Amino acid sequence: MKTYFTLGKEEVFLTTGIYVTTLNTSVNATCSNGEPYATLTVNLNKLEDPSLAYLNVNLFGIDVEEFFVKNGLAVKVEGREQQSGHINYPLYRLNLNKLVNYEEE
């Protein structure tokens, strides 16, 4: 059974994946009806550890940082962010054990 979270106004479950170009970890939210909701990470440059990810803070009306921290899914890596266009994406250390367990429940 999957674990569901409220994200914005949707009930979603989370899955992890791998970006093919960098092998970085991606975190994806899917609606309870199976429809894709959002990719919560962005693929900017190759990172040194699979537990590191840039959070997609460019989702309209959703505080992705608060969502990850409040649910114990990640902690911010202070002083590290990556700019792309006009957005600075913060780097977080994901709690991969917790994320994978949510996929399997």
C-alpha atoms as a PDB file:
ATOM      1  CA  MET A   1       0.000   0.000   0.000  1.00  0.00           C
ATOM      2  CA  LYS A   2       1.344   3.443  -0.947  1.00  0.00           C
ATOM      3  CA  THR A   3       1.618   6.360   1.449  1.00  0.00           C
ATOM      4  CA  TYR A   4      -0.339   9.434   0.350  1.00  0.00           C
ATOM      5  CA  PHE A   5       0.503  13.066   1.035  1.00  0.00           C
ATOM      6  CA  THR A   6      -1.363  16.300   0.478  1.00  0.00           C
ATOM      7  CA  LEU A   7       0.551  18.434  -2.007  1.00  0.00           C
ATOM      8  CA  GLY A   8      -1.182  21.627  -3.021  1.00  0.00           C
ATOM      9  CA  LYS A   9      -4.801  20.519  -3.305  1.00  0.00           C
ATOM     10  CA  GLU A  10      -4.026  16.966  -4.428  1.00  0.00           C
ATOM     11  CA  GLU A  11      -3.546  13.656  -2.663  1.00  0.00           C
ATOM     12  CA  VAL A  12      -0.346  12.193  -4.131  1.00  0.00           C
ATOM     13  CA  PHE A  13       2.079   9.355  -3.661  1.00  0.00           C
ATOM     14  CA  LEU A  14       5.810   9.683  -4.327  1.00  0.00           C
ATOM     15  CA  THR A  15       8.177   7.634  -6.444  1.00  0.00           C
ATOM     16  CA  THR A  16      11.872   7.969  -7.160  1.00  0.00           C
ATOM     17  CA  GLY A  17      13.677   7.582 -10.440  1.00  0.00           C
ATOM     18  CA  ILE A  18      16.963   8.370 -12.128  1.00  0.00           C
ATOM     19  CA  TYR A  19      17.682  11.127 -14.627  1.00  0.00           C
ATOM     20  CA  VAL A  20      19.353   9.380 -17.573  1.00  0.00           C
ATOM     21  CA  THR A  21      21.755  12.210 -18.458  1.00  0.00           C
ATOM     22  CA  THR A  22      23.263  12.709 -14.977  1.00  0.00           C
ATOM     23  CA  LEU A  23      22.156   9.636 -12.995  1.00  0.00           C
ATOM     24  CA  ASN A  24      20.805  12.016 -10.325  1.00  0.00           C
ATOM     25  CA  THR A  25      17.770  10.956  -8.302  1.00  0.00           C
ATOM     26  CA  SER A  26      14.368  12.323  -9.268  1.00  0.00           C
ATOM     27  CA  VAL A  27      11.320  12.479  -7.018  1.00  0.00           C
ATOM     28  CA  ASN A  28       7.917  12.401  -8.679  1.00  0.00           C
ATOM     29  CA  ALA A  29       4.403  12.972  -7.337  1.00  0.00           C
ATOM     30  CA  THR A  30       1.491  11.023  -8.797  1.00  0.00           C
ATOM     31  CA  CYS A  31      -2.199  11.681  -8.083  1.00  0.00           C
ATOM     32  CA  SER A  32      -4.209   9.003  -6.322  1.00  0.00           C
ATOM     33  CA  ASN A  33      -5.935   8.230  -9.642  1.00  0.00           C
ATOM     34  CA  GLY A  34      -2.559   7.429 -11.247  1.00  0.00           C
ATOM     35  CA  GLU A  35      -2.196  10.648 -13.231  1.00  0.00           C
ATOM     36  CA  PRO A  36       1.227  12.345 -13.052  1.00  0.00           C
ATOM     37  CA  TYR A  37       1.136  15.461 -10.852  1.00  0.00           C
ATOM     38  CA  ALA A  38       4.645  16.954 -10.797  1.00  0.00           C
ATOM     39  CA  THR A  39       8.339  16.243 -10.781  1.00  0.00           C
ATOM     40  CA  LEU A  40       9.529  17.648  -7.462  1.00  0.00           C
ATOM     41  CA  THR A  41      13.221  17.762  -8.383  1.00  0.00           C
ATOM     42  CA  VAL A  42      15.139  19.306 -11.278  1.00  0.00           C
ATOM     43  CA  ASN A  43      18.067  17.893 -13.226  1.00  0.00           C
ATOM     44  CA  LEU A  44      20.680  20.640 -13.473  1.00  0.00           C
ATOM     45  CA  ASN A  45      24.176  19.191 -13.127  1.00  0.00           C
ATOM     46  CA  LYS A  46      25.683  15.885 -12.046  1.00  0.00           C
ATOM     47  CA  LEU A  47      25.750  15.575  -8.270  1.00  0.00           C
ATOM     48  CA  GLU A  48      28.299  13.641  -6.223  1.00  0.00           C
ATOM     49  CA  ASP A  49      25.803  11.550  -4.249  1.00  0.00           C
ATOM     50  CA  PRO A  50      22.455   9.920  -5.168  1.00  0.00           C
ATOM     51  CA  SER A  51      20.876  11.352  -2.017  1.00  0.00           C
ATOM     52  CA  LEU A  52      21.379  14.921  -3.280  1.00  0.00           C
ATOM     53  CA  ALA A  53      18.747  16.674  -5.388  1.00  0.00           C
ATOM     54  CA  TYR A  54      17.759  20.170  -6.408  1.00  0.00           C
ATOM     55  CA  LEU A  55      14.143  20.815  -5.419  1.00  0.00           C
ATOM     56  CA  ASN A  56      11.772  22.228  -8.001  1.00  0.00           C
ATOM     57  CA  VAL A  57      10.797  25.472  -6.280  1.00  0.00           C
ATOM     58  CA  ASN A  58       9.206  26.703  -9.516  1.00  0.00           C
ATOM     59  CA  LEU A  59       5.863  24.922  -8.982  1.00  0.00           C
ATOM     60  CA  PHE A  60       3.124  27.539  -8.876  1.00  0.00           C
ATOM     61  CA  GLY A  61       1.449  27.747  -5.494  1.00  0.00           C
ATOM     62  CA  ILE A  62       3.325  24.835  -3.901  1.00  0.00           C
ATOM     63  CA  ASP A  63       6.059  25.219  -1.278  1.00  0.00           C
ATOM     64  CA  VAL A  64       8.122  22.153  -2.173  1.00  0.00           C
ATOM     65  CA  GLU A  65      10.780  22.942   0.425  1.00  0.00           C
ATOM     66  CA  GLU A  66       8.201  23.049   3.216  1.00  0.00           C
ATOM     67  CA  PHE A  67       6.634  19.809   1.943  1.00  0.00           C
ATOM     68  CA  PHE A  68       9.946  17.899   2.026  1.00  0.00           C
ATOM     69  CA  VAL A  69      11.037  19.256   5.417  1.00  0.00           C
ATOM     70  CA  LYS A  70       7.623  18.903   7.116  1.00  0.00           C
ATOM     71  CA  ASN A  71       7.377  15.261   6.017  1.00  0.00           C
ATOM     72  CA  GLY A  72      10.978  14.410   6.970  1.00  0.00           C
ATOM     73  CA  LEU A  73      11.861  13.628   3.357  1.00  0.00           C
ATOM     74  CA  ALA A  74      14.925  15.881   3.033  1.00  0.00           C
ATOM     75  CA  VAL A  75      17.154  18.461   4.710  1.00  0.00           C
ATOM     76  CA  LYS A  76      18.607  21.532   3.065  1.00  0.00           C
ATOM     77  CA  VAL A  77      22.309  21.607   2.194  1.00  0.00           C
ATOM     78  CA  GLU A  78      23.131  25.139   3.328  1.00  0.00           C
ATOM     79  CA  GLY A  79      25.034  27.341   0.921  1.00  0.00           C
ATOM     80  CA  ARG A  80      24.416  25.213  -2.162  1.00  0.00           C
ATOM     81  CA  GLU A  81      22.010  26.112  -4.913  1.00  0.00           C
ATOM     82  CA  GLN A  82      22.062  26.195  -8.692  1.00  0.00           C
ATOM     83  CA  GLN A  83      20.678  28.955 -10.864  1.00  0.00           C
ATOM     84  CA  SER A  84      18.792  28.153 -14.029  1.00  0.00           C
ATOM     85  CA  GLY A  85      17.146  31.055 -15.790  1.00  0.00           C
ATOM     86  CA  HIS A  86      15.739  33.370 -13.129  1.00  0.00           C
ATOM     87  CA  ILE A  87      15.290  30.621 -10.500  1.00  0.00           C
ATOM     88  CA  ASN A  88      17.769  29.530  -7.808  1.00  0.00           C
ATOM     89  CA  TYR A  89      17.147  25.856  -7.033  1.00  0.00           C
ATOM     90  CA  PRO A  90      18.180  24.794  -3.501  1.00  0.00           C
ATOM     91  CA  LEU A  91      20.108  21.583  -2.936  1.00  0.00           C
ATOM     92  CA  TYR A  92      18.658  19.065  -0.465  1.00  0.00           C
ATOM     93  CA  ARG A  93      19.817  15.751   0.953  1.00  0.00           C
ATOM     94  CA  LEU A  94      16.980  13.287   0.429  1.00  0.00           C
ATOM     95  CA  ASN A  95      15.986  10.693   2.997  1.00  0.00           C
ATOM     96  CA  LEU A  96      16.088   7.920   0.383  1.00  0.00           C
ATOM     97  CA  ASN A  97      15.251   5.156   2.860  1.00  0.00           C
ATOM     98  CA  LYS A  98      12.023   6.915   3.761  1.00  0.00           C
ATOM     99  CA  LEU A  99      11.136   7.707   0.137  1.00  0.00           C
ATOM    100  CA  VAL A 100      11.682   4.113  -1.002  1.00  0.00           C
ATOM    101  CA  ASN A 101       9.632   2.762   1.920  1.00  0.00           C
ATOM    102  CA  TYR A 102       6.757   5.038   0.895  1.00  0.00           C
ATOM    103  CA  GLU A 103       6.853   3.521  -2.597  1.00  0.00           C
ATOM    104  CA  GLU A 104       6.597  -0.019  -1.224  1.00  0.00           C
ATOM    105  CA  GLU A 105       3.919   0.488   1.428  1.00  0.00           C
END
